[in-house]
C-alpha atoms as a PDB file:
ATOM      1  CA  MET A   1       1.772 -15.747  15.729  1.00  0.00           C
ATOM      2  CA  THR A   2      -0.858 -13.387  15.155  1.00  0.00           C
ATOM      3  CA  HIS A   3      -0.166  -9.612  14.772  1.00  0.00           C
ATOM      4  CA  LEU A   4      -1.968  -8.939  18.408  1.00  0.00           C
ATOM      5  CA  ALA A   5      -0.048 -12.313  19.635  1.00  0.00           C
ATOM      6  CA  ALA A   6       3.102 -10.390  18.747  1.00  0.00           C
ATOM      7  CA  ARG A   7       2.243  -7.250  20.861  1.00  0.00           C
ATOM      8  CA  PRO A   8       0.988  -8.219  24.351  1.00  0.00           C
ATOM      9  CA  ARG A   9       0.708  -4.776  25.327  1.00  0.00           C
ATOM     10  CA  SER A  10      -1.850  -4.255  22.850  1.00  0.00           C
ATOM     11  CA  VAL A  11      -3.726  -7.146  23.968  1.00  0.00           C
ATOM     12  CA  ALA A  12      -3.574  -5.845  27.480  1.00  0.00           C
ATOM     13  CA  VAL A  13      -4.831  -2.421  26.512  1.00  0.00           C
ATOM     14  CA  ALA A  14      -7.900  -4.006  24.642  1.00  0.00           C
ATOM     15  CA  VAL A  15      -8.911  -6.091  27.652  1.00  0.00           C
ATOM     16  CA  TRP A  16      -8.311  -3.063  29.766  1.00  0.00           C
ATOM     17  CA  ALA A  17     -10.699  -0.939  27.283  1.00  0.00           C
ATOM     18  CA  VAL A  18     -13.256  -3.558  27.717  1.00  0.00           C
ATOM     19  CA  LEU A  19     -12.970  -3.540  31.572  1.00  0.00           C
ATOM     20  CA  VAL A  20     -12.817   0.273  31.484  1.00  0.00           C
ATOM     21  CA  THR A  21     -16.272   0.204  29.649  1.00  0.00           C
ATOM     22  CA  ALA A  22     -17.742  -2.067  31.828  1.00  0.00           C
ATOM     23  CA  THR A  23     -16.589  -0.174  34.969  1.00  0.00           C
ATOM     24  CA  ALA A  24     -18.197   3.145  33.721  1.00  0.00           C
ATOM     25  CA  VAL A  25     -21.437   1.029  33.246  1.00  0.00           C
ATOM     26  CA  VAL A  26     -21.433  -0.427  36.757  1.00  0.00           C
ATOM     27  CA  ALA A  27     -20.306   3.147  38.025  1.00  0.00           C
ATOM     28  CA  ALA A  28     -23.697   4.394  36.733  1.00  0.00           C
ATOM     29  CA  LEU A  29     -25.597   1.900  38.505  1.00  0.00           C
ATOM     30  CA  PRO A  30     -27.978   2.747  41.401  1.00  0.00           C
ATOM     31  CA  GLY A  31     -25.957   2.593  44.574  1.00  0.00           C
ATOM     32  CA  ASP A  32     -22.403   2.714  42.991  1.00  0.00           C
ATOM     33  CA  PRO A  33     -19.865   5.321  42.810  1.00  0.00           C
ATOM     34  CA  GLY A  34     -21.962   7.304  40.041  1.00  0.00           C
ATOM     35  CA  THR A  35     -21.138   8.286  36.560  1.00  0.00           C
ATOM     36  CA  VAL A  36     -17.519   8.681  35.396  1.00  0.00           C
ATOM     37  CA  PRO A  37     -16.825  12.090  34.212  1.00  0.00           C
ATOM     38  CA  ALA A  38     -16.797  12.523  30.507  1.00  0.00           C
ATOM     39  CA  GLY A  39     -13.570  14.144  30.522  1.00  0.00           C
ATOM     40  CA  TRP A  40     -11.946  11.193  32.213  1.00  0.00           C
ATOM     41  CA  LEU A  41     -13.317   9.034  29.766  1.00  0.00           C
ATOM     42  CA  VAL A  42     -12.057  10.861  26.898  1.00  0.00           C
ATOM     43  CA  ALA A  43      -8.692  11.127  28.688  1.00  0.00           C
ATOM     44  CA  LEU A  44      -8.635   7.438  29.210  1.00  0.00           C
ATOM     45  CA  ALA A  45      -9.644   6.878  25.688  1.00  0.00           C
ATOM     46  CA  LEU A  46      -6.751   8.873  24.274  1.00  0.00           C
ATOM     47  CA  LEU A  47      -4.301   7.231  26.363  1.00  0.00           C
ATOM     48  CA  GLY A  48      -5.724   3.748  25.473  1.00  0.00           C
ATOM     49  CA  VAL A  49      -5.303   4.358  21.799  1.00  0.00           C
ATOM     50  CA  LEU A  50      -1.758   5.666  22.294  1.00  0.00           C
ATOM     51  CA  ALA A  51      -0.827   2.786  24.531  1.00  0.00           C
ATOM     52  CA  PHE A  52      -2.666   0.513  21.887  1.00  0.00           C
ATOM     53  CA  ARG A  53      -0.349   1.736  19.065  1.00  0.00           C
ATOM     54  CA  GLY A  54       2.742   1.396  21.170  1.00  0.00           C
ATOM     55  CA  SER A  55       3.546   4.273  23.386  1.00  0.00           C
ATOM     56  CA  ASP A  56       5.334   3.315  26.516  1.00  0.00           C
ATOM     57  CA  ALA A  57       4.773   6.589  28.210  1.00  0.00           C
ATOM     58  CA  ALA A  58       0.837   6.273  27.843  1.00  0.00           C
ATOM     59  CA  TYR A  59       1.053   2.624  28.886  1.00  0.00           C
ATOM     60  CA  ALA A  60       2.962   3.620  31.832  1.00  0.00           C
ATOM     61  CA  VAL A  61       0.122   6.265  32.713  1.00  0.00           C
ATOM     62  CA  LEU A  62      -2.426   3.913  32.392  1.00  0.00           C
ATOM     63  CA  VAL A  63      -1.020   1.492  34.947  1.00  0.00           C
ATOM     64  CA  VAL A  64      -0.230   4.024  37.433  1.00  0.00           C
ATOM     65  CA  LEU A  65      -3.801   5.594  37.197  1.00  0.00           C
ATOM     66  CA  ASN A  66      -5.174   2.378  37.384  1.00  0.00           C
ATOM     67  CA  ALA A  67      -3.081   1.487  40.532  1.00  0.00           C
ATOM     68  CA  VAL A  68      -3.689   4.935  42.101  1.00  0.00           C
ATOM     69  CA  LEU A  69      -7.473   4.618  41.890  1.00  0.00           C
ATOM     70  CA  LEU A  70      -7.322   0.687  43.286  1.00  0.00           C
ATOM     71  CA  SER A  71      -4.949   1.904  46.131  1.00  0.00           C
ATOM     72  CA  THR A  72      -6.658   4.921  47.107  1.00  0.00           C
ATOM     73  CA  ALA A  73     -10.131   3.121  47.207  1.00  0.00           C
ATOM     74  CA  LEU A  74      -8.527   0.406  49.249  1.00  0.00           C
ATOM     75  CA  LEU A  75      -6.744   2.797  51.551  1.00  0.00           C
ATOM     76  CA  LEU A  76      -9.582   5.234  52.368  1.00  0.00           C
ATOM     77  CA  ALA A  77     -12.437   3.152  51.933  1.00  0.00           C
ATOM     78  CA  THR A  78     -11.697  -0.049  53.464  1.00  0.00           C
ATOM     79  CA  PRO A  79     -13.818  -2.228  54.105  1.00  0.00           C
ATOM     80  CA  VAL A  80     -15.518  -1.578  50.649  1.00  0.00           C
ATOM     81  CA  ALA A  81     -19.150  -1.364  50.845  1.00  0.00           C
ATOM     82  CA  ALA A  82     -20.727  -4.608  49.018  1.00  0.00           C
ATOM     83  CA  PRO A  83     -22.326  -2.164  46.393  1.00  0.00           C
ATOM     84  CA  PHE A  84     -18.746  -0.936  45.250  1.00  0.00           C
ATOM     85  CA  TRP A  85     -17.542  -4.603  44.913  1.00  0.00           C
ATOM     86  CA  ALA A  86     -18.315  -5.034  41.134  1.00  0.00           C
ATOM     87  CA  PHE A  87     -16.736  -1.274  40.429  1.00  0.00           C
ATOM     88  CA  TYR A  88     -13.440  -2.175  42.251  1.00  0.00           C
ATOM     89  CA  GLY A  89     -13.095  -5.560  41.166  1.00  0.00           C
ATOM     90  CA  LEU A  90     -13.431  -4.532  37.684  1.00  0.00           C
ATOM     91  CA  VAL A  91     -10.724  -1.670  38.134  1.00  0.00           C
ATOM     92  CA  ALA A  92      -8.598  -4.744  39.786  1.00  0.00           C
ATOM     93  CA  ALA A  93      -9.383  -6.857  36.685  1.00  0.00           C
ATOM     94  CA  ALA A  94      -8.165  -3.830  34.193  1.00  0.00           C
ATOM     95  CA  LEU A  95      -5.132  -3.308  36.255  1.00  0.00           C
ATOM     96  CA  ALA A  96      -4.419  -7.281  36.395  1.00  0.00           C
ATOM     97  CA  ALA A  97      -4.831  -7.248  32.644  1.00  0.00           C
ATOM     98  CA  LEU A  98      -2.540  -4.277  31.796  1.00  0.00           C
ATOM     99  CA  VAL A  99       0.390  -5.756  34.060  1.00  0.00           C
ATOM    100  CA  GLY A 100      -0.443  -9.474  33.838  1.00  0.00           C
ATOM    101  CA  ILE A 101      -0.794 -10.202  30.026  1.00  0.00           C
ATOM    102  CA  PRO A 102       2.616  -8.733  29.004  1.00  0.00           C
ATOM    103  CA  LEU A 103       4.076 -10.553  31.800  1.00  0.00           C
ATOM    104  CA  LEU A 104       2.543 -14.038  30.700  1.00  0.00           C
ATOM    105  CA  ALA A 105       3.459 -13.458  27.069  1.00  0.00           C
ATOM    106  CA  ARG A 106       6.984 -12.916  28.244  1.00  0.00           C
ATOM    107  CA  ARG A 107       7.161 -15.881  30.501  1.00  0.00           C
ATOM    108  CA  THR A 108       5.672 -17.866  27.659  1.00  0.00           C
ATOM    109  CA  ALA A 109       8.124 -16.539  25.256  1.00  0.00           C
ATOM    110  CA  VAL A 110      11.201 -17.550  27.494  1.00  0.00           C
ATOM    111  CA  ALA A 111       9.722 -21.140  28.041  1.00  0.00           C
ATOM    112  CA  ALA A 112       9.337 -21.682  24.488  1.00  0.00           C
ATOM    113  CA  SER A 113      12.901 -20.472  23.461  1.00  0.00           C
ATOM    114  CA  ALA A 114      14.401 -22.367  26.355  1.00  0.00           C
ATOM    115  CA  PRO A 115      16.207 -25.424  25.004  1.00  0.00           C
END
């Protein structure tokens, strides 16, 4: 088992970081939400590093921030206009990675340990 495979949350945070980078790029495209403020990107990077290194609190904050962003957008802007689909799709994928990868790893580990 590789070092990262033993730490599914770190893998989830790494995938999340790639998706957040893509989200920031998509947000800056014409017709999309606009550039993500630098302060937010710094805060997300700091939380990402802390979560990658094993901080449960930072990991929880990342999950909550992603869930709040997604739910706020879906509650306030439904139906979501077509130009925003890529942006919110990436936010949803980032949240799915944060939650899904550790759950999948846990399920796989339980299945592997079953007699």
